[in-house]
Amino acid sequence: MIIPYKQISPDALQGLIEEFITREGTDYGEMEFSLTQKVSQVERQLARGDIVIVFDSATESVSILTKHDASIIEPNND
């Protein structure tokens, strides 16, 4: 289920984004960015709709996915 990011409290959204950014194996390329810069980049991607927040009821977990990946998992949410 896709959760609109505006329906998440600011503190919860900040925590979710920071967890996503600091997740082991996440690669941001050759340039180094501060955590604040990375959070801003993710917020912009959420606002544009490039990425979405997805709740998986089977595992009761929340993830951030590209819109394309989310549409594969939940084809009726385009």
PDB file of N, CA and C in Angstrom:
ATOM      1  N   MET A   1       0.833  -1.154   0.000  1.00  0.00           N
ATOM      2  CA  MET A   1       0.000   0.000   0.000  1.00  0.00           C
ATOM      3  C   MET A   1       0.894   1.238   0.000  1.00  0.00           C
ATOM      4  N   ILE A   2       0.649   2.137  -0.937  1.00  0.00           N
ATOM      5  CA  ILE A   2       1.405   3.383  -0.996  1.00  0.00           C
ATOM      6  C   ILE A   2       0.806   4.359   0.013  1.00  0.00           C
ATOM      7  N   ILE A   3       1.677   4.935   0.832  1.00  0.00           N
ATOM      8  CA  ILE A   3       1.273   5.898   1.846  1.00  0.00           C
ATOM      9  C   ILE A   3       1.708   7.292   1.381  1.00  0.00           C
ATOM     10  N   PRO A   4       0.777   8.216   1.179  1.00  0.00           N
ATOM     11  CA  PRO A   4       1.174   9.571   0.799  1.00  0.00           C
ATOM     12  C   PRO A   4       2.087  10.171   1.873  1.00  0.00           C
ATOM     13  N   TYR A   5       3.218  10.688   1.466  1.00  0.00           N
ATOM     14  CA  TYR A   5       4.204  11.173   2.435  1.00  0.00           C
ATOM     15  C   TYR A   5       3.668  12.329   3.277  1.00  0.00           C
ATOM     16  N   LYS A   6       2.707  13.075   2.763  1.00  0.00           N
ATOM     17  CA  LYS A   6       2.139  14.197   3.520  1.00  0.00           C
ATOM     18  C   LYS A   6       1.250  13.722   4.667  1.00  0.00           C
ATOM     19  N   GLN A   7       0.886  12.437   4.676  1.00  0.00           N
ATOM     20  CA  GLN A   7       0.062  11.895   5.750  1.00  0.00           C
ATOM     21  C   GLN A   7       0.908  11.367   6.907  1.00  0.00           C
ATOM     22  N   ILE A   8       2.217  11.441   6.775  1.00  0.00           N
ATOM     23  CA  ILE A   8       3.122  10.969   7.812  1.00  0.00           C
ATOM     24  C   ILE A   8       3.591  12.174   8.612  1.00  0.00           C
ATOM     25  N   SER A   9       3.647  12.033   9.931  1.00  0.00           N
ATOM     26  CA  SER A   9       4.096  13.158  10.754  1.00  0.00           C
ATOM     27  C   SER A   9       5.516  13.562  10.349  1.00  0.00           C
ATOM     28  N   PRO A  10       5.850  14.828  10.501  1.00  0.00           N
ATOM     29  CA  PRO A  10       7.196  15.286  10.124  1.00  0.00           C
ATOM     30  C   PRO A  10       8.313  14.506  10.815  1.00  0.00           C
ATOM     31  N   ASP A  11       8.153  14.187  12.090  1.00  0.00           N
ATOM     32  CA  ASP A  11       9.190  13.441  12.810  1.00  0.00           C
ATOM     33  C   ASP A  11       9.330  12.020  12.274  1.00  0.00           C
ATOM     34  N   ALA A  12       8.194  11.368  12.013  1.00  0.00           N
ATOM     35  CA  ALA A  12       8.240  10.007  11.481  1.00  0.00           C
ATOM     36  C   ALA A  12       8.840  10.001  10.076  1.00  0.00           C
ATOM     37  N   LEU A  13       8.479  10.982   9.270  1.00  0.00           N
ATOM     38  CA  LEU A  13       9.013  11.076   7.913  1.00  0.00           C
ATOM     39  C   LEU A  13      10.522  11.303   7.955  1.00  0.00           C
ATOM     40  N   GLN A  14      10.974  12.187   8.833  1.00  0.00           N
ATOM     41  CA  GLN A  14      12.409  12.443   8.974  1.00  0.00           C
ATOM     42  C   GLN A  14      13.146  11.160   9.348  1.00  0.00           C
ATOM     43  N   GLY A  15      12.605  10.415  10.300  1.00  0.00           N
ATOM     44  CA  GLY A  15      13.229   9.157  10.707  1.00  0.00           C
ATOM     45  C   GLY A  15      13.261   8.141   9.586  1.00  0.00           C
ATOM     46  N   LEU A  16      12.175   8.041   8.836  1.00  0.00           N
ATOM     47  CA  LEU A  16      12.100   7.110   7.719  1.00  0.00           C
ATOM     48  C   LEU A  16      13.121   7.469   6.642  1.00  0.00           C
ATOM     49  N   ILE A  17      13.207   8.736   6.321  1.00  0.00           N
ATOM     50  CA  ILE A  17      14.164   9.177   5.302  1.00  0.00           C
ATOM     51  C   ILE A  17      15.593   8.936   5.764  1.00  0.00           C
ATOM     52  N   GLU A  18      15.889   9.271   7.016  1.00  0.00           N
ATOM     53  CA  GLU A  18      17.248   9.058   7.522  1.00  0.00           C
ATOM     54  C   GLU A  18      17.614   7.576   7.544  1.00  0.00           C
ATOM     55  N   GLU A  19      16.665   6.719   7.907  1.00  0.00           N
ATOM     56  CA  GLU A  19      16.924   5.274   7.891  1.00  0.00           C
ATOM     57  C   GLU A  19      17.199   4.813   6.474  1.00  0.00           C
ATOM     58  N   PHE A  20      16.439   5.313   5.527  1.00  0.00           N
ATOM     59  CA  PHE A  20      16.624   4.970   4.117  1.00  0.00           C
ATOM     60  C   PHE A  20      18.011   5.401   3.643  1.00  0.00           C
ATOM     61  N   ILE A  21      18.409   6.596   4.007  1.00  0.00           N
ATOM     62  CA  ILE A  21      19.694   7.144   3.574  1.00  0.00           C
ATOM     63  C   ILE A  21      20.863   6.374   4.171  1.00  0.00           C
ATOM     64  N   THR A  22      20.749   6.025   5.435  1.00  0.00           N
ATOM     65  CA  THR A  22      21.876   5.397   6.131  1.00  0.00           C
ATOM     66  C   THR A  22      21.875   3.878   6.030  1.00  0.00           C
ATOM     67  N   ARG A  23      20.881   3.332   5.355  1.00  0.00           N
ATOM     68  CA  ARG A  23      20.795   1.879   5.189  1.00  0.00           C
ATOM     69  C   ARG A  23      22.076   1.360   4.548  1.00  0.00           C
ATOM     70  N   GLU A  24      22.609   0.317   5.096  1.00  0.00           N
ATOM     71  CA  GLU A  24      23.855  -0.254   4.581  1.00  0.00           C
ATOM     72  C   GLU A  24      23.710  -0.609   3.107  1.00  0.00           C
ATOM     73  N   GLY A  25      24.697  -0.222   2.324  1.00  0.00           N
ATOM     74  CA  GLY A  25      24.693  -0.546   0.904  1.00  0.00           C
ATOM     75  C   GLY A  25      24.127   0.545   0.028  1.00  0.00           C
ATOM     76  N   THR A  26      23.571   1.597   0.624  1.00  0.00           N
ATOM     77  CA  THR A  26      23.048   2.692  -0.182  1.00  0.00           C
ATOM     78  C   THR A  26      24.213   3.465  -0.779  1.00  0.00           C
ATOM     79  N   ASP A  27      24.177   3.701  -2.085  1.00  0.00           N
ATOM     80  CA  ASP A  27      25.271   4.355  -2.794  1.00  0.00           C
ATOM     81  C   ASP A  27      24.769   5.646  -3.413  1.00  0.00           C
ATOM     82  N   TYR A  28      25.473   6.729  -3.146  1.00  0.00           N
ATOM     83  CA  TYR A  28      25.078   8.019  -3.694  1.00  0.00           C
ATOM     84  C   TYR A  28      26.039   8.525  -4.754  1.00  0.00           C
ATOM     85  N   GLY A  29      26.912   7.683  -5.244  1.00  0.00           N
ATOM     86  CA  GLY A  29      27.809   8.084  -6.312  1.00  0.00           C
ATOM     87  C   GLY A  29      29.117   8.641  -5.798  1.00  0.00           C
ATOM     88  N   GLU A  30      29.784   9.359  -6.669  1.00  0.00           N
ATOM     89  CA  GLU A  30      31.130   9.845  -6.372  1.00  0.00           C
ATOM     90  C   GLU A  30      31.147  11.055  -5.448  1.00  0.00           C
ATOM     91  N   MET A  31      30.115  11.893  -5.484  1.00  0.00           N
ATOM     92  CA  MET A  31      30.105  13.111  -4.666  1.00  0.00           C
ATOM     93  C   MET A  31      29.637  12.791  -3.252  1.00  0.00           C
ATOM     94  N   GLU A  32      30.270  13.442  -2.285  1.00  0.00           N
ATOM     95  CA  GLU A  32      29.873  13.302  -0.887  1.00  0.00           C
ATOM     96  C   GLU A  32      28.844  14.376  -0.552  1.00  0.00           C
ATOM     97  N   PHE A  33      27.781  13.994   0.133  1.00  0.00           N
ATOM     98  CA  PHE A  33      26.749  14.922   0.570  1.00  0.00           C
ATOM     99  C   PHE A  33      26.523  14.724   2.062  1.00  0.00           C
ATOM    100  N   SER A  34      26.175  15.798   2.755  1.00  0.00           N
ATOM    101  CA  SER A  34      25.847  15.702   4.174  1.00  0.00           C
ATOM    102  C   SER A  34      24.495  15.021   4.333  1.00  0.00           C
ATOM    103  N   LEU A  35      24.210  14.565   5.537  1.00  0.00           N
ATOM    104  CA  LEU A  35      22.918  13.944   5.806  1.00  0.00           C
ATOM    105  C   LEU A  35      21.789  14.923   5.497  1.00  0.00           C
ATOM    106  N   THR A  36      21.972  16.180   5.853  1.00  0.00           N
ATOM    107  CA  THR A  36      20.955  17.203   5.583  1.00  0.00           C
ATOM    108  C   THR A  36      20.703  17.348   4.083  1.00  0.00           C
ATOM    109  N   GLN A  37      21.766  17.346   3.303  1.00  0.00           N
ATOM    110  CA  GLN A  37      21.620  17.444   1.846  1.00  0.00           C
ATOM    111  C   GLN A  37      20.906  16.213   1.290  1.00  0.00           C
ATOM    112  N   LYS A  38      21.253  15.042   1.795  1.00  0.00           N
ATOM    113  CA  LYS A  38      20.622  13.808   1.320  1.00  0.00           C
ATOM    114  C   LYS A  38      19.135  13.787   1.673  1.00  0.00           C
ATOM    115  N   VAL A  39      18.802  14.233   2.898  1.00  0.00           N
ATOM    116  CA  VAL A  39      17.392  14.297   3.294  1.00  0.00           C
ATOM    117  C   VAL A  39      16.632  15.227   2.353  1.00  0.00           C
ATOM    118  N   SER A  40      17.206  16.368   2.037  1.00  0.00           N
ATOM    119  CA  SER A  40      16.557  17.311   1.120  1.00  0.00           C
ATOM    120  C   SER A  40      16.344  16.694  -0.260  1.00  0.00           C
ATOM    121  N   GLN A  41      17.330  15.940  -0.732  1.00  0.00           N
ATOM    122  CA  GLN A  41      17.197  15.279  -2.035  1.00  0.00           C
ATOM    123  C   GLN A  41      16.039  14.279  -2.020  1.00  0.00           C
ATOM    124  N   VAL A  42      15.945  13.505  -0.959  1.00  0.00           N
ATOM    125  CA  VAL A  42      14.863  12.510  -0.856  1.00  0.00           C
ATOM    126  C   VAL A  42      13.516  13.220  -0.744  1.00  0.00           C
ATOM    127  N   GLU A  43      13.447  14.293   0.030  1.00  0.00           N
ATOM    128  CA  GLU A  43      12.194  15.049   0.147  1.00  0.00           C
ATOM    129  C   GLU A  43      11.736  15.588  -1.209  1.00  0.00           C
ATOM    130  N   ARG A  44      12.674  16.085  -1.996  1.00  0.00           N
ATOM    131  CA  ARG A  44      12.328  16.587  -3.338  1.00  0.00           C
ATOM    132  C   ARG A  44      11.816  15.450  -4.227  1.00  0.00           C
ATOM    133  N   GLN A  45      12.446  14.288  -4.131  1.00  0.00           N
ATOM    134  CA  GLN A  45      12.004  13.144  -4.936  1.00  0.00           C
ATOM    135  C   GLN A  45      10.605  12.703  -4.516  1.00  0.00           C
ATOM    136  N   LEU A  46      10.302  12.742  -3.220  1.00  0.00           N
ATOM    137  CA  LEU A  46       8.952  12.421  -2.753  1.00  0.00           C
ATOM    138  C   LEU A  46       7.947  13.438  -3.283  1.00  0.00           C
ATOM    139  N   ALA A  47       8.302  14.708  -3.214  1.00  0.00           N
ATOM    140  CA  ALA A  47       7.399  15.771  -3.683  1.00  0.00           C
ATOM    141  C   ALA A  47       7.119  15.653  -5.172  1.00  0.00           C
ATOM    142  N   ARG A  48       8.133  15.272  -5.954  1.00  0.00           N
ATOM    143  CA  ARG A  48       7.954  15.095  -7.404  1.00  0.00           C
ATOM    144  C   ARG A  48       7.206  13.814  -7.738  1.00  0.00           C
ATOM    145  N   GLY A  49       7.168  12.875  -6.796  1.00  0.00           N
ATOM    146  CA  GLY A  49       6.532  11.587  -7.058  1.00  0.00           C
ATOM    147  C   GLY A  49       7.464  10.576  -7.694  1.00  0.00           C
ATOM    148  N   ASP A  50       8.768  10.868  -7.720  1.00  0.00           N
ATOM    149  CA  ASP A  50       9.743   9.919  -8.274  1.00  0.00           C
ATOM    150  C   ASP A  50       9.889   8.689  -7.386  1.00  0.00           C
ATOM    151  N   ILE A  51       9.748   8.898  -6.085  1.00  0.00           N
ATOM    152  CA  ILE A  51       9.789   7.806  -5.123  1.00  0.00           C
ATOM    153  C   ILE A  51       8.543   7.887  -4.257  1.00  0.00           C
ATOM    154  N   VAL A  52       8.178   6.761  -3.657  1.00  0.00           N
ATOM    155  CA  VAL A  52       6.981   6.696  -2.821  1.00  0.00           C
ATOM    156  C   VAL A  52       7.275   5.883  -1.570  1.00  0.00           C
ATOM    157  N   ILE A  53       6.439   6.065  -0.564  1.00  0.00           N
ATOM    158  CA  ILE A  53       6.543   5.300   0.672  1.00  0.00           C
ATOM    159  C   ILE A  53       5.527   4.168   0.584  1.00  0.00           C
ATOM    160  N   VAL A  54       5.999   2.958   0.842  1.00  0.00           N
ATOM    161  CA  VAL A  54       5.154   1.769   0.705  1.00  0.00           C
ATOM    162  C   VAL A  54       5.119   1.016   2.027  1.00  0.00           C
ATOM    163  N   PHE A  55       3.909   0.661   2.472  1.00  0.00           N
ATOM    164  CA  PHE A  55       3.727  -0.166   3.653  1.00  0.00           C
ATOM    165  C   PHE A  55       3.431  -1.580   3.198  1.00  0.00           C
ATOM    166  N   ASP A  56       4.189  -2.540   3.723  1.00  0.00           N
ATOM    167  CA  ASP A  56       3.988  -3.958   3.417  1.00  0.00           C
ATOM    168  C   ASP A  56       3.275  -4.591   4.604  1.00  0.00           C
ATOM    169  N   SER A  57       2.003  -4.917   4.434  1.00  0.00           N
ATOM    170  CA  SER A  57       1.213  -5.463   5.541  1.00  0.00           C
ATOM    171  C   SER A  57       1.680  -6.859   5.953  1.00  0.00           C
ATOM    172  N   ALA A  58       2.280  -7.592   5.047  1.00  0.00           N
ATOM    173  CA  ALA A  58       2.761  -8.944   5.380  1.00  0.00           C
ATOM    174  C   ALA A  58       3.913  -8.894   6.381  1.00  0.00           C
ATOM    175  N   THR A  59       4.819  -7.932   6.182  1.00  0.00           N
ATOM    176  CA  THR A  59       5.972  -7.816   7.080  1.00  0.00           C
ATOM    177  C   THR A  59       5.812  -6.664   8.070  1.00  0.00           C
ATOM    178  N   GLU A  60       4.723  -5.904   7.921  1.00  0.00           N
ATOM    179  CA  GLU A  60       4.472  -4.726   8.742  1.00  0.00           C
ATOM    180  C   GLU A  60       5.680  -3.793   8.744  1.00  0.00           C
ATOM    181  N   SER A  61       6.202  -3.551   7.528  1.00  0.00           N
ATOM    182  CA  SER A  61       7.361  -2.678   7.378  1.00  0.00           C
ATOM    183  C   SER A  61       7.064  -1.595   6.349  1.00  0.00           C
ATOM    184  N   VAL A  62       7.866  -0.551   6.419  1.00  0.00           N
ATOM    185  CA  VAL A  62       7.725   0.574   5.524  1.00  0.00           C
ATOM    186  C   VAL A  62       9.018   0.721   4.739  1.00  0.00           C
ATOM    187  N   SER A  63       8.895   1.001   3.439  1.00  0.00           N
ATOM    188  CA  SER A  63      10.059   1.184   2.580  1.00  0.00           C
ATOM    189  C   SER A  63       9.845   2.384   1.679  1.00  0.00           C
ATOM    190  N   ILE A  64      10.936   2.875   1.152  1.00  0.00           N
ATOM    191  CA  ILE A  64      10.880   3.904   0.121  1.00  0.00           C
ATOM    192  C   ILE A  64      11.319   3.236  -1.169  1.00  0.00           C
ATOM    193  N   LEU A  65      10.455   3.320  -2.183  1.00  0.00           N
ATOM    194  CA  LEU A  65      10.726   2.692  -3.473  1.00  0.00           C
ATOM    195  C   LEU A  65      10.555   3.708  -4.594  1.00  0.00           C
ATOM    196  N   THR A  66      11.171   3.400  -5.738  1.00  0.00           N
ATOM    197  CA  THR A  66      10.882   4.228  -6.903  1.00  0.00           C
ATOM    198  C   THR A  66       9.417   4.013  -7.282  1.00  0.00           C
ATOM    199  N   LYS A  67       8.855   4.978  -7.933  1.00  0.00           N
ATOM    200  CA  LYS A  67       7.467   4.855  -8.376  1.00  0.00           C
ATOM    201  C   LYS A  67       7.309   3.639  -9.288  1.00  0.00           C
ATOM    202  N   HIS A  68       8.308   3.410 -10.133  1.00  0.00           N
ATOM    203  CA  HIS A  68       8.273   2.266 -11.040  1.00  0.00           C
ATOM    204  C   HIS A  68       8.252   0.950 -10.264  1.00  0.00           C
ATOM    205  N   ASP A  69       9.145   0.799  -9.293  1.00  0.00           N
ATOM    206  CA  ASP A  69       9.180  -0.436  -8.510  1.00  0.00           C
ATOM    207  C   ASP A  69       7.880  -0.642  -7.737  1.00  0.00           C
ATOM    208  N   ALA A  70       7.338   0.424  -7.199  1.00  0.00           N
ATOM    209  CA  ALA A  70       6.067   0.326  -6.473  1.00  0.00           C
ATOM    210  C   ALA A  70       4.945  -0.092  -7.407  1.00  0.00           C
ATOM    211  N   SER A  71       4.954   0.384  -8.640  1.00  0.00           N
ATOM    212  CA  SER A  71       3.897   0.027  -9.587  1.00  0.00           C
ATOM    213  C   SER A  71       3.971  -1.441  -9.982  1.00  0.00           C
ATOM    214  N   ILE A  72       5.155  -2.022  -9.931  1.00  0.00           N
ATOM    215  CA  ILE A  72       5.300  -3.455 -10.211  1.00  0.00           C
ATOM    216  C   ILE A  72       4.699  -4.270  -9.071  1.00  0.00           C
ATOM    217  N   ILE A  73       4.951  -3.827  -7.854  1.00  0.00           N
ATOM    218  CA  ILE A  73       4.435  -4.521  -6.671  1.00  0.00           C
ATOM    219  C   ILE A  73       2.934  -4.336  -6.541  1.00  0.00           C
ATOM    220  N   GLU A  74       2.469  -3.112  -6.778  1.00  0.00           N
ATOM    221  CA  GLU A  74       1.062  -2.789  -6.645  1.00  0.00           C
ATOM    222  C   GLU A  74       0.575  -2.116  -7.932  1.00  0.00           C
ATOM    223  N   PRO A  75       0.295  -2.894  -8.959  1.00  0.00           N
ATOM    224  CA  PRO A  75      -0.033  -2.314 -10.264  1.00  0.00           C
ATOM    225  C   PRO A  75      -1.264  -1.415 -10.292  1.00  0.00           C
ATOM    226  N   ASN A  76      -2.160  -1.514  -9.328  1.00  0.00           N
ATOM    227  CA  ASN A  76      -3.371  -0.695  -9.336  1.00  0.00           C
ATOM    228  C   ASN A  76      -3.181   0.680  -8.736  1.00  0.00           C
ATOM    229  N   ASN A  77      -1.967   1.020  -8.285  1.00  0.00           N
ATOM    230  CA  ASN A  77      -1.717   2.311  -7.642  1.00  0.00           C
ATOM    231  C   ASN A  77      -1.063   3.321  -8.554  1.00  0.00           C
ATOM    232  N   ASP A  78      -1.097   3.159  -9.861  1.00  0.00           N
ATOM    233  CA  ASP A  78      -0.480   4.137 -10.768  1.00  0.00           C
ATOM    234  C   ASP A  78      -1.264   5.416 -10.813  1.00  0.00           C
TER     235      ASP A  78
END
